[in-house]
Protein backbone atom coordinates (compact mmCIF):
# COMPACT_ATOMS: atom_id res chain seq x y z
CA MET A 1 -19.32 -0.01 8.10
CA ALA A 2 -18.02 -3.13 5.68
CA ASP A 3 -14.59 -2.94 4.40
CA GLU A 4 -13.58 -1.51 1.07
CA PRO A 5 -13.30 -4.09 -1.53
CA THR A 6 -9.12 -4.21 -2.21
CA GLU A 7 -6.90 -6.00 -4.28
CA PHE A 8 -4.19 -6.31 -1.42
CA PRO A 9 -3.54 -9.60 0.14
CA ARG A 10 -4.17 -10.92 3.20
CA ALA A 11 -0.89 -10.62 4.32
CA LEU A 12 -1.27 -6.98 4.26
CA GLY A 13 -3.25 -7.02 7.44
CA LYS A 14 -6.34 -5.18 8.05
CA PRO A 15 -5.23 -1.76 9.98
CA ALA A 16 -2.82 -1.34 6.66
CA THR A 17 -5.44 -2.47 4.11
CA ARG A 18 -8.15 0.22 6.16
CA ALA A 19 -5.32 3.08 5.93
CA LEU A 20 -4.46 2.62 2.41
CA ALA A 21 -8.33 2.66 1.81
CA ALA A 22 -8.76 5.64 3.70
CA GLN A 23 -6.70 7.72 1.34
CA GLY A 24 -8.73 6.11 -1.68
CA VAL A 25 -6.01 3.54 -2.30
CA THR A 26 -6.89 0.17 -3.19
CA ARG A 27 -5.43 -1.16 -6.35
CA PHE A 28 -1.63 -1.66 -7.11
CA ASP A 29 -1.50 0.63 -9.72
CA GLN A 30 -2.41 3.06 -7.50
CA LEU A 31 0.61 2.67 -5.36
CA THR A 32 3.03 3.81 -7.98
CA GLY A 33 2.27 7.33 -6.91
CA ARG A 34 3.02 6.92 -3.67
CA THR A 35 6.69 6.70 -1.84
CA ARG A 36 7.51 4.52 0.90
CA ALA A 37 7.99 7.46 3.02
CA GLU A 38 4.26 8.38 1.96
CA LEU A 39 2.47 5.03 3.04
CA LEU A 40 4.63 4.70 6.25
CA ALA A 41 3.62 8.02 7.50
CA LEU A 42 -0.07 6.24 7.52
CA HIS A 43 -1.08 5.15 10.73
CA GLY A 44 -1.32 1.24 10.25
CA VAL A 45 1.20 0.80 7.55
CA GLY A 46 4.75 -0.19 8.67
CA PRO A 47 7.76 -1.87 7.56
CA LYS A 48 5.80 -5.23 6.67
CA GLY A 49 3.29 -3.74 4.93
CA ILE A 50 5.99 -1.81 2.68
CA ARG A 51 7.59 -5.30 2.10
CA VAL A 52 4.63 -7.04 0.99
CA LEU A 53 3.22 -4.36 -1.05
CA GLU A 54 6.55 -4.28 -2.45
CA ALA A 55 7.14 -7.54 -3.11
CA GLU A 56 3.29 -7.78 -4.80
CA LEU A 57 4.25 -4.27 -7.07
CA GLU A 58 7.35 -6.15 -7.94
CA ALA A 59 5.57 -9.27 -9.17
CA ARG A 60 3.31 -7.12 -11.20
CA GLY A 61 6.47 -5.34 -12.74
CA LEU A 62 5.38 -1.58 -10.68
CA ARG A 63 7.09 -0.03 -8.36
CA PHE A 64 6.72 2.66 -5.48
CA ALA A 65 7.24 6.41 -6.41
CA ASP A 66 10.92 7.34 -6.21
CA PRO A 67 10.91 9.91 -3.39
CA GLN A 68 11.46 13.62 -4.72
CA TYR A 69 14.79 15.42 -3.25
């Protein structure tokens, strides 16, 4: 099975990239509807992945969804 093409950087790592792709998330704009906690709950996505994604989102003027309290 070939990896899904994504726009995420290699620094994210393959486990995190696969976990996101399995959820249908392959683009940065799709991350704006997800909270950090939702992403961390995915097997393969850890604190380093969140930092990588957050930096890339910020560079694009985007951010994760705010958690609902």
